Amino acid sequence: MDKFTNSAWFMRIVAFALAALLFISINFEMESDKKSLGLSTAPEISTETIENVPVEVYYDRENLVVSGVPEAVDVTLKGAKSLLINAKNQRDFKVYVDLSDPAISMGDRTVTFKISDLNEKLVATIDPEYAEVNVQERVTKEFPVEAEYNSSLLEEGYTAGQPTVSPKTVKITGAKDAIEQISYVKANLEISKGLNETVNSKATVKALDRDLNKLDVTIEPSTVSVSLEVSIPSKTVSIAPKQTGKTKDGIRITSISVDPKEVTLFGSETSLEKIDEVVLPVNISKIDGDTELELDLDKPESVQKMSLGKAKVKIRTEKVDVDEENAEPVVEEEEPETEQKQEEQVVEEEAEEDEPAAIESKTFNNIQIVPVGIQDDQNAELESDVTSITLLGEADDLKKITKDDINLTVDVSNLDEGTHDVDLAVTVPEGVEWELDSKTVSVTISQKDEET
């Protein structure tokens, strides 16, 4: 055995085996290292499509307007799978159109999409490959804004003035061709159905061509303030108490008065023209003596609303002898009167019937006339803001009345610009009548100066 192990052939065989083992071990470790570093000699090739990649456009934005470039494109990448996954997740590449050449001409042109910052080992295909674009000179121009609204949404009986806009003009920037196509600049006021009050709101401004197509331009400011004054015609009429039912036995109604004596009605002008008073039914069947009631006013069908829903009624009575009231008159035979006596009796009866009541008058000077209903954007100037009024009534009632008990107003809520003769509305204490030198006053309406 010792002789065999000490032989030259044994040593050669052992050396060859060790060399083979060493070769196999080294090659195995190198293959492992290559795979761990992604250096495989045969990498896996794949394709991946990335959708909606934004497109950047390079051009002179101060002087030019470019249209027709899509906002995004699809990019298909081909290459090693590991690189594709990284590109898809990071999206660190860019798709762009380059129109930055200062010598670029105006008009239509075809441009090709380009890609940058992409790994050079990946191949990219862009869909679409190119775009038809339009290059125009950038223009800015000032236009007046016109407000509009749907008038059919106004509630029945209500009217609206012309809507006002603030600011009245806007600056519109866009391609020269687009600016030249502008025919209307509108601010549409969004309102709901049943409009019955003044509206103050914001509205978006749109630029439209003559066919009312919206144009692709930039508007500054993009929204404006719009005010729409909504009102309703009014008319002041008297309240007329009307007895209903039958009085109780032994009670006689001597007077019925109502406070206030007038009510203001609101509705269409044609409806108001037909109404001169509002009847207030007063049931007297349960009245036992002097009474004060608060009764509901019935709104006429053609009227939208009234300034009052109730009115106070004061009823004055006197007691009478039921037997005397119901007794048959006794006819006694009298001696025939002479013609002279008959004439004297007639004269006396007429004198008693024509005897005037104890009515006196009292005049108040420099009573202030107050305008009511002035719109926020208007001024109201009276030709004379004071007047004299004469009250008629019993002396005891007149003594208690002072200037503070008298109110004179003039309603200017529905007046347009210009000078108008307007009826005075008079409020005085109950039980007296009044007289004016003139029942109207001249009012001049003008627009307030806008603040700068």
Protein backbone atom coordinates (compact mmCIF):
# COMPACT_ATOMS: atom_id res chain seq x y z
CA MET A 1 0.00 0.00 0.00
CA ASP A 2 2.74 2.40 0.92
CA LYS A 3 4.38 1.55 -2.33
CA PHE A 4 1.23 2.52 -4.32
CA THR A 5 0.68 5.85 -2.54
CA ASN A 6 4.29 6.78 -3.06
CA SER A 7 4.13 6.14 -6.77
CA ALA A 8 4.17 8.97 -9.36
CA TRP A 9 0.85 7.90 -10.93
CA PHE A 10 -1.01 8.20 -7.67
CA MET A 11 0.22 11.74 -7.17
CA ARG A 12 -0.83 12.65 -10.75
CA ILE A 13 -4.39 11.34 -10.26
CA VAL A 14 -4.85 13.19 -6.95
CA ALA A 15 -3.61 16.45 -8.48
CA PHE A 16 -6.01 16.14 -11.46
CA ALA A 17 -9.00 15.50 -9.18
CA LEU A 18 -8.22 18.52 -7.02
CA ALA A 19 -7.85 20.73 -10.10
CA ALA A 20 -11.25 19.57 -11.47
CA LEU A 21 -13.00 20.24 -8.18
CA LEU A 22 -11.45 23.71 -7.97
CA PHE A 23 -12.58 24.56 -11.55
CA ILE A 24 -16.15 23.47 -10.91
CA SER A 25 -16.34 25.44 -7.65
CA ILE A 26 -15.03 28.67 -9.19
CA ASN A 27 -17.44 28.55 -12.17
CA PHE A 28 -20.43 27.91 -9.90
CA GLU A 29 -19.63 30.96 -7.74
CA MET A 30 -19.21 33.23 -10.82
CA GLU A 31 -22.58 32.20 -12.25
CA SER A 32 -24.21 32.90 -8.88
CA ASP A 33 -22.61 36.37 -8.71
CA LYS A 34 -23.76 37.25 -12.25
CA LYS A 35 -27.33 36.29 -11.54
CA SER A 36 -27.37 38.29 -8.30
CA LEU A 37 -26.09 41.37 -10.19
CA GLY A 38 -28.52 41.05 -13.09
CA LEU A 39 -25.62 40.28 -15.43
CA SER A 40 -27.09 37.15 -16.86
CA THR A 41 -25.83 36.64 -20.32
CA ALA A 42 -29.39 35.97 -21.55
CA PRO A 43 -31.74 38.62 -19.96
CA GLU A 44 -35.56 38.27 -20.33
CA ILE A 45 -36.91 40.80 -22.92
CA SER A 46 -40.50 42.17 -22.41
CA THR A 47 -42.77 45.04 -23.48
CA GLU A 48 -44.87 47.31 -21.27
CA THR A 49 -47.42 50.02 -22.24
CA ILE A 50 -47.73 53.05 -19.97
CA GLU A 51 -50.96 54.98 -20.55
CA ASN A 52 -51.77 58.68 -20.09
CA VAL A 53 -48.24 60.01 -20.00
CA PRO A 54 -48.53 63.83 -19.83
CA VAL A 55 -47.14 65.85 -22.74
CA GLU A 56 -45.05 68.96 -22.15
CA VAL A 57 -44.95 71.73 -24.77
CA TYR A 58 -41.94 74.04 -25.06
CA TYR A 59 -42.67 77.41 -26.74
CA ASP A 60 -42.63 81.18 -26.20
CA ARG A 61 -45.60 81.49 -23.84
CA GLU A 62 -45.40 85.27 -23.62
CA ASN A 63 -45.97 85.86 -27.30
CA LEU A 64 -47.48 82.66 -28.74
CA VAL A 65 -50.49 80.40 -28.25
CA VAL A 66 -50.25 76.73 -29.27
CA SER A 67 -53.34 74.57 -29.66
CA GLY A 68 -53.94 71.00 -30.82
CA VAL A 69 -51.40 69.24 -28.60
CA PRO A 70 -53.05 66.36 -26.67
CA GLU A 71 -52.69 66.48 -22.92
CA ALA A 72 -51.41 62.88 -22.72
CA VAL A 73 -50.18 59.97 -24.90
CA ASP A 74 -49.51 56.25 -24.48
CA VAL A 75 -45.86 55.02 -24.40
CA THR A 76 -44.86 51.38 -25.13
CA LEU A 77 -41.42 50.36 -23.79
CA LYS A 78 -39.36 47.32 -24.81
CA GLY A 79 -36.35 45.92 -22.95
CA ALA A 80 -35.19 43.94 -19.94
CA LYS A 81 -38.07 43.20 -17.62
CA SER A 82 -36.29 44.59 -14.58
CA LEU A 83 -35.69 47.90 -16.39
CA LEU A 84 -39.31 48.03 -17.59
CA ILE A 85 -40.67 47.59 -14.10
CA ASN A 86 -38.44 50.39 -12.80
CA ALA A 87 -39.47 52.76 -15.65
CA LYS A 88 -43.16 52.05 -15.14
CA ASN A 89 -43.03 52.60 -11.40
CA GLN A 90 -40.79 55.68 -11.44
CA ARG A 91 -42.10 57.38 -14.61
CA ASP A 92 -38.96 59.48 -14.58
CA PHE A 93 -38.99 60.04 -18.35
CA LYS A 94 -40.75 62.89 -20.24
CA VAL A 95 -42.73 63.13 -23.48
CA TYR A 96 -42.57 66.57 -25.10
CA VAL A 97 -43.13 68.71 -28.19
CA ASP A 98 -40.46 71.27 -28.97
CA LEU A 99 -41.69 74.52 -30.55
CA SER A 100 -39.13 76.75 -28.88
CA ASP A 101 -37.38 77.82 -32.09
CA PRO A 102 -37.58 81.66 -32.18
CA ALA A 103 -37.93 81.54 -35.97
CA ILE A 104 -41.03 79.35 -35.87
CA SER A 105 -43.75 80.50 -38.27
CA MET A 106 -47.44 80.98 -37.47
CA GLY A 107 -50.15 78.59 -38.64
CA ASP A 108 -50.76 74.84 -38.81
CA ARG A 109 -47.96 72.31 -38.62
CA THR A 110 -47.27 68.65 -37.85
CA VAL A 111 -44.96 67.97 -34.89
CA THR A 112 -43.46 64.69 -33.65
CA PHE A 113 -43.49 63.66 -30.01
CA LYS A 114 -40.12 63.16 -28.38
CA ILE A 115 -38.99 61.37 -25.22
CA SER A 116 -36.21 62.25 -22.78
CA ASP A 117 -34.63 60.89 -19.58
CA LEU A 118 -35.36 57.27 -20.62
CA ASN A 119 -32.88 54.45 -19.94
CA GLU A 120 -30.86 53.98 -23.13
CA LYS A 121 -31.34 50.21 -22.97
CA LEU A 122 -35.11 50.65 -23.44
CA VAL A 123 -36.82 51.27 -26.78
CA ALA A 124 -39.92 53.57 -26.74
CA THR A 125 -42.87 53.82 -29.14
CA ILE A 126 -45.31 56.76 -28.69
CA ASP A 127 -48.98 56.58 -29.66
CA PRO A 128 -49.88 58.81 -31.45
CA GLU A 129 -46.53 59.49 -33.06
CA TYR A 130 -47.30 63.11 -34.01
CA ALA A 131 -49.90 65.88 -33.60
CA GLU A 132 -51.42 68.56 -35.83
CA VAL A 133 -50.93 71.84 -33.95
CA ASN A 134 -51.70 75.49 -34.59
CA VAL A 135 -49.35 78.31 -33.63
CA GLN A 136 -50.83 81.81 -33.26
CA GLU A 137 -49.78 85.19 -31.98
CA ARG A 138 -50.85 85.71 -28.35
CA VAL A 139 -53.32 88.65 -28.01
CA THR A 140 -54.96 90.29 -24.97
CA LYS A 141 -58.03 92.48 -25.39
CA GLU A 142 -60.62 94.06 -23.05
CA PHE A 143 -64.32 93.27 -23.51
CA PRO A 144 -67.53 94.45 -21.76
CA VAL A 145 -69.46 91.75 -19.87
CA GLU A 146 -73.20 91.28 -20.37
CA ALA A 147 -75.15 89.53 -17.60
CA GLU A 148 -78.07 87.30 -18.49
CA TYR A 149 -80.69 85.21 -16.67
CA ASN A 150 -83.76 83.13 -17.46
CA SER A 151 -86.67 85.56 -17.04
CA SER A 152 -89.20 82.70 -17.17
CA LEU A 153 -88.07 81.72 -13.67
CA LEU A 154 -89.53 84.91 -12.17
CA GLU A 155 -92.49 84.23 -9.90
CA GLU A 156 -95.84 85.41 -11.24
CA GLY A 157 -96.41 89.13 -10.76
CA TYR A 158 -92.74 89.96 -10.13
CA THR A 159 -90.59 92.06 -12.43
CA ALA A 160 -86.83 92.42 -12.69
CA GLY A 161 -84.64 95.29 -13.79
CA GLN A 162 -81.51 95.08 -15.90
CA PRO A 163 -78.82 93.01 -14.13
CA THR A 164 -75.68 94.93 -13.20
CA VAL A 165 -72.14 93.53 -13.40
CA SER A 166 -69.01 94.32 -11.40
CA PRO A 167 -66.44 94.67 -12.86
CA LYS A 168 -68.06 95.72 -16.12
CA THR A 169 -65.14 94.61 -18.32
CA VAL A 170 -62.70 91.67 -18.41
CA LYS A 171 -59.38 91.00 -20.16
CA ILE A 172 -59.39 88.05 -22.54
CA THR A 173 -56.15 86.44 -23.75
CA GLY A 174 -55.83 83.86 -26.51
CA ALA A 175 -54.81 83.16 -30.07
CA LYS A 176 -55.37 86.07 -32.43
CA ASP A 177 -57.88 84.06 -34.49
CA ALA A 178 -59.88 83.16 -31.36
CA ILE A 179 -59.95 86.75 -30.09
CA GLU A 180 -61.25 87.94 -33.46
CA GLN A 181 -64.10 85.40 -33.27
CA ILE A 182 -65.47 86.75 -29.96
CA SER A 183 -69.03 88.08 -30.45
CA TYR A 184 -70.42 87.83 -26.92
CA VAL A 185 -68.96 87.87 -23.42
CA LYS A 186 -71.65 86.55 -21.09
CA ALA A 187 -72.01 86.06 -17.34
CA ASN A 188 -74.95 83.72 -16.78
CA LEU A 189 -76.70 84.20 -13.44
CA GLU A 190 -77.75 80.83 -12.04
CA ILE A 191 -81.15 81.20 -10.34
CA SER A 192 -83.74 78.75 -9.11
CA LYS A 193 -87.40 78.56 -10.07
CA GLY A 194 -89.77 80.92 -8.28
CA LEU A 195 -87.51 83.96 -8.12
CA ASN A 196 -89.18 86.57 -5.91
CA GLU A 197 -86.35 88.57 -4.35
CA THR A 198 -83.27 90.53 -5.34
CA VAL A 199 -80.26 88.37 -6.21
CA ASN A 200 -76.59 89.16 -5.58
CA SER A 201 -74.33 86.36 -6.77
CA LYS A 202 -71.15 85.35 -8.60
CA ALA A 203 -71.29 84.27 -12.25
CA THR A 204 -68.69 82.60 -14.50
CA VAL A 205 -67.71 84.59 -17.60
CA LYS A 206 -67.72 82.86 -21.00
CA ALA A 207 -66.51 84.10 -24.38
CA LEU A 208 -68.72 82.99 -27.28
CA ASP A 209 -68.60 83.25 -31.06
CA ARG A 210 -71.57 84.40 -33.13
CA ASP A 211 -73.02 80.86 -33.07
CA LEU A 212 -72.77 80.83 -29.25
CA ASN A 213 -69.92 78.31 -29.25
CA LYS A 214 -67.55 78.63 -26.30
CA LEU A 215 -64.04 79.75 -27.28
CA ASP A 216 -60.79 78.42 -25.80
CA VAL A 217 -59.39 81.59 -24.23
CA THR A 218 -58.21 82.80 -20.83
CA ILE A 219 -60.47 85.33 -19.06
CA GLU A 220 -59.33 87.59 -16.21
CA PRO A 221 -61.22 87.75 -13.89
CA SER A 222 -63.01 84.49 -14.64
CA THR A 223 -65.99 85.37 -12.41
CA VAL A 224 -67.87 88.64 -11.81
CA SER A 225 -70.47 89.87 -9.31
CA VAL A 226 -74.00 90.15 -10.71
CA SER A 227 -76.92 91.96 -9.04
CA LEU A 228 -80.51 91.53 -10.20
CA GLU A 229 -83.14 93.82 -8.67
CA VAL A 230 -86.46 91.98 -8.35
CA SER A 231 -89.64 93.82 -7.35
CA ILE A 232 -93.38 93.58 -7.60
CA PRO A 233 -95.93 96.34 -8.48
CA SER A 234 -97.94 97.61 -5.50
CA LYS A 235 -101.13 99.54 -4.86
CA THR A 236 -102.55 100.95 -1.62
CA VAL A 237 -106.32 100.57 -1.24
CA SER A 238 -108.79 101.18 1.56
CA ILE A 239 -110.08 98.48 3.90
CA ALA A 240 -113.89 98.48 3.79
CA PRO A 241 -115.63 96.82 6.78
CA LYS A 242 -118.87 95.07 5.80
CA GLN A 243 -121.50 93.94 8.31
CA THR A 244 -122.63 90.33 8.14
CA GLY A 245 -125.27 88.62 10.27
CA LYS A 246 -128.03 90.17 12.38
CA THR A 247 -127.63 92.11 15.61
CA LYS A 248 -128.97 90.74 18.87
CA ASP A 249 -132.22 92.11 20.21
CA GLY A 250 -131.74 95.35 22.07
CA ILE A 251 -128.41 96.17 20.34
CA ARG A 252 -127.92 98.71 17.60
CA ILE A 253 -124.60 99.22 15.76
CA THR A 254 -123.79 102.93 15.69
CA SER A 255 -120.35 102.76 14.01
CA ILE A 256 -117.69 100.38 12.74
CA SER A 257 -114.14 101.64 12.17
CA VAL A 258 -111.01 99.78 11.06
CA ASP A 259 -107.34 100.35 11.88
CA PRO A 260 -105.36 100.71 9.73
CA LYS A 261 -107.65 102.09 7.09
CA GLU A 262 -105.47 101.01 4.15
CA VAL A 263 -103.53 97.99 2.98
CA THR A 264 -100.87 97.68 0.28
CA LEU A 265 -101.42 94.97 -2.33
CA PHE A 266 -98.68 93.40 -4.46
CA GLY A 267 -99.22 91.74 -7.81
CA SER A 268 -99.27 92.32 -11.55
CA GLU A 269 -100.29 95.76 -12.75
CA THR A 270 -103.29 94.39 -14.64
CA SER A 271 -104.56 92.66 -11.49
CA LEU A 272 -104.11 95.70 -9.27
CA GLU A 273 -105.97 97.98 -11.68
CA LYS A 274 -109.19 96.09 -10.99
CA ILE A 275 -109.04 96.43 -7.19
CA ASP A 276 -110.10 99.62 -5.35
CA GLU A 277 -110.71 98.22 -1.87
CA VAL A 278 -110.40 95.11 0.26
CA VAL A 279 -113.67 94.09 1.91
CA LEU A 280 -113.43 93.01 5.55
CA PRO A 281 -116.51 91.02 6.66
CA VAL A 282 -117.56 91.81 10.26
CA ASN A 283 -120.01 89.37 11.87
CA ILE A 284 -122.22 91.39 14.23
CA SER A 285 -124.49 88.53 15.34
CA LYS A 286 -122.55 87.96 18.60
CA ILE A 287 -121.96 91.59 19.54
CA ASP A 288 -123.27 92.47 23.04
CA GLY A 289 -121.80 95.97 23.31
CA ASP A 290 -118.78 98.07 22.38
CA THR A 291 -116.18 95.65 21.03
CA GLU A 292 -112.71 95.59 19.51
CA LEU A 293 -111.77 92.67 17.26
CA GLU A 294 -108.71 91.57 15.26
CA LEU A 295 -109.85 89.98 12.01
CA ASP A 296 -108.05 88.27 9.14
CA LEU A 297 -107.90 90.09 5.81
CA ASP A 298 -108.79 87.91 2.84
CA LYS A 299 -106.25 88.25 0.04
CA PRO A 300 -107.83 88.73 -3.39
CA GLU A 301 -107.12 85.78 -5.71
CA SER A 302 -105.22 87.85 -8.28
CA VAL A 303 -102.92 89.36 -5.64
CA GLN A 304 -99.57 87.81 -4.75
CA LYS A 305 -99.29 89.23 -1.23
CA MET A 306 -100.48 92.00 1.09
CA SER A 307 -98.66 94.25 3.52
CA LEU A 308 -101.08 93.22 6.29
CA GLY A 309 -102.67 89.95 7.26
CA LYS A 310 -104.97 91.30 9.97
CA ALA A 311 -106.79 94.52 10.88
CA LYS A 312 -108.35 95.81 14.09
CA VAL A 313 -112.05 96.61 14.05
CA LYS A 314 -113.71 98.89 16.61
CA ILE A 315 -117.49 98.47 16.97
CA ARG A 316 -119.64 101.03 18.83
CA THR A 317 -123.18 100.15 19.94
CA GLU A 318 -126.15 101.46 21.83
CA LYS A 319 -128.93 99.67 23.65
CA VAL A 320 -132.50 100.13 22.50
CA ASP A 321 -135.89 99.22 24.01
CA VAL A 322 -136.93 95.99 22.37
CA ASP A 323 -140.64 96.66 22.93
CA GLU A 324 -140.42 100.09 21.42
CA GLU A 325 -138.32 98.80 18.54
CA ASN A 326 -140.82 96.07 17.70
CA ALA A 327 -144.08 97.83 18.66
CA GLU A 328 -146.54 98.77 15.98
CA PRO A 329 -146.91 102.51 15.67
CA VAL A 330 -150.20 103.85 17.05
CA VAL A 331 -152.07 105.98 14.59
CA GLU A 332 -154.11 108.70 16.27
CA GLU A 333 -156.65 110.82 14.60
CA GLU A 334 -155.60 114.40 14.52
CA GLU A 335 -157.37 117.47 13.55
CA PRO A 336 -156.52 118.54 10.09
CA GLU A 337 -153.71 121.03 10.11
CA THR A 338 -153.84 124.22 8.20
CA GLU A 339 -151.58 124.62 5.21
CA GLN A 340 -149.49 127.22 7.05
CA LYS A 341 -148.82 124.87 10.00
CA GLN A 342 -147.79 122.09 7.65
CA GLU A 343 -145.29 124.34 5.92
CA GLU A 344 -143.83 125.51 9.26
CA GLN A 345 -143.43 121.91 10.44
CA VAL A 346 -141.59 120.92 7.25
CA VAL A 347 -139.18 123.85 7.62
CA GLU A 348 -138.44 122.88 11.24
CA GLU A 349 -137.79 119.25 10.31
CA GLU A 350 -135.47 120.24 7.48
CA ALA A 351 -133.59 122.61 9.78
CA GLU A 352 -133.07 119.80 12.30
CA GLU A 353 -131.84 117.41 9.59
CA ASP A 354 -129.41 119.96 8.09
CA GLU A 355 -127.92 121.06 11.38
CA PRO A 356 -124.12 120.62 10.96
CA ALA A 357 -122.06 118.43 13.32
CA ALA A 358 -119.53 120.11 15.63
CA ILE A 359 -116.51 119.62 13.30
CA GLU A 360 -113.38 121.76 13.64
CA SER A 361 -110.10 121.94 11.73
CA LYS A 362 -106.46 122.15 12.74
CA THR A 363 -103.52 122.83 10.39
CA PHE A 364 -99.99 121.51 10.90
CA ASN A 365 -97.13 123.10 8.96
CA ASN A 366 -93.71 121.73 7.91
CA ILE A 367 -94.63 118.06 8.18
CA GLN A 368 -91.68 115.99 6.92
CA ILE A 369 -92.23 113.80 3.82
CA VAL A 370 -90.21 110.57 4.04
CA PRO A 371 -89.29 108.59 0.87
CA VAL A 372 -89.44 104.80 1.32
CA GLY A 373 -88.17 101.94 -0.82
CA ILE A 374 -85.05 103.69 -2.15
CA GLN A 375 -82.86 101.22 -4.06
CA ASP A 376 -79.21 100.81 -3.02
CA ASP A 377 -77.85 102.19 -6.29
CA GLN A 378 -80.21 105.18 -6.54
CA ASN A 379 -80.76 108.64 -5.08
CA ALA A 380 -84.25 110.07 -4.51
CA GLU A 381 -84.64 113.87 -4.38
CA LEU A 382 -87.99 115.47 -3.46
CA GLU A 383 -88.96 118.81 -4.95
CA SER A 384 -90.13 119.70 -1.44
CA ASP A 385 -89.65 117.42 1.56
CA VAL A 386 -92.16 119.24 3.82
CA THR A 387 -95.80 120.22 3.45
CA SER A 388 -98.85 121.38 5.41
CA ILE A 389 -101.83 119.23 6.33
CA THR A 390 -105.25 120.16 7.71
CA LEU A 391 -107.07 117.73 10.00
CA LEU A 392 -110.85 117.75 10.39
CA GLY A 393 -112.60 116.30 13.44
CA GLU A 394 -114.14 116.95 16.80
CA ALA A 395 -112.43 119.54 18.92
CA ASP A 396 -111.55 117.12 21.74
CA ASP A 397 -109.87 114.75 19.28
CA LEU A 398 -107.89 117.50 17.55
CA LYS A 399 -106.50 118.83 20.84
CA LYS A 400 -104.75 115.52 21.50
CA ILE A 401 -102.99 115.34 18.12
CA THR A 402 -99.36 116.46 17.63
CA LYS A 403 -96.99 116.43 14.67
CA ASP A 404 -95.60 113.08 15.83
CA ASP A 405 -99.01 111.50 15.20
CA ILE A 406 -98.85 112.38 11.47
CA ASN A 407 -96.81 110.38 8.95
CA LEU A 408 -96.36 111.37 5.31
CA THR A 409 -94.49 108.94 3.04
CA VAL A 410 -93.86 108.52 -0.68
CA ASP A 411 -93.10 105.10 -2.20
CA VAL A 412 -90.19 105.25 -4.71
CA SER A 413 -89.41 101.50 -4.86
CA ASN A 414 -90.64 101.00 -8.46
CA LEU A 415 -89.41 104.24 -10.03
CA ASP A 416 -86.89 104.42 -12.88
CA GLU A 417 -84.47 107.27 -13.46
CA GLY A 418 -86.17 110.58 -14.12
CA THR A 419 -88.76 112.85 -12.51
CA HIS A 420 -92.12 111.48 -11.38
CA ASP A 421 -95.27 112.78 -9.63
CA VAL A 422 -95.98 110.31 -6.84
CA ASP A 423 -99.00 110.06 -4.54
CA LEU A 424 -98.46 110.83 -0.86
CA ALA A 425 -99.43 108.17 1.68
CA VAL A 426 -101.00 109.75 4.78
CA THR A 427 -101.33 108.18 8.22
CA VAL A 428 -103.29 110.13 10.87
CA PRO A 429 -105.03 109.16 14.13
CA GLU A 430 -108.35 107.38 13.89
CA GLY A 431 -111.52 109.46 13.79
CA VAL A 432 -110.18 112.45 11.87
CA GLU A 433 -110.12 113.35 8.19
CA TRP A 434 -107.31 115.18 6.39
CA GLU A 435 -106.77 117.62 3.54
CA LEU A 436 -103.58 118.44 1.61
CA ASP A 437 -102.84 121.33 -0.72
CA SER A 438 -101.42 118.71 -3.10
CA LYS A 439 -101.79 114.95 -2.85
CA THR A 440 -98.68 114.33 -4.96
CA VAL A 441 -95.03 115.29 -4.74
CA SER A 442 -92.40 115.53 -7.49
CA VAL A 443 -89.55 113.00 -7.05
CA THR A 444 -86.34 112.84 -9.12
CA ILE A 445 -84.55 109.48 -9.27
CA SER A 446 -80.87 109.31 -10.23
CA GLN A 447 -78.11 106.70 -10.15
CA LYS A 448 -75.45 106.89 -7.45
CA ASP A 449 -71.91 107.57 -8.58
CA GLU A 450 -69.85 104.37 -8.60
CA GLU A 451 -67.01 104.14 -6.14
CA THR A 452 -63.58 104.09 -7.72
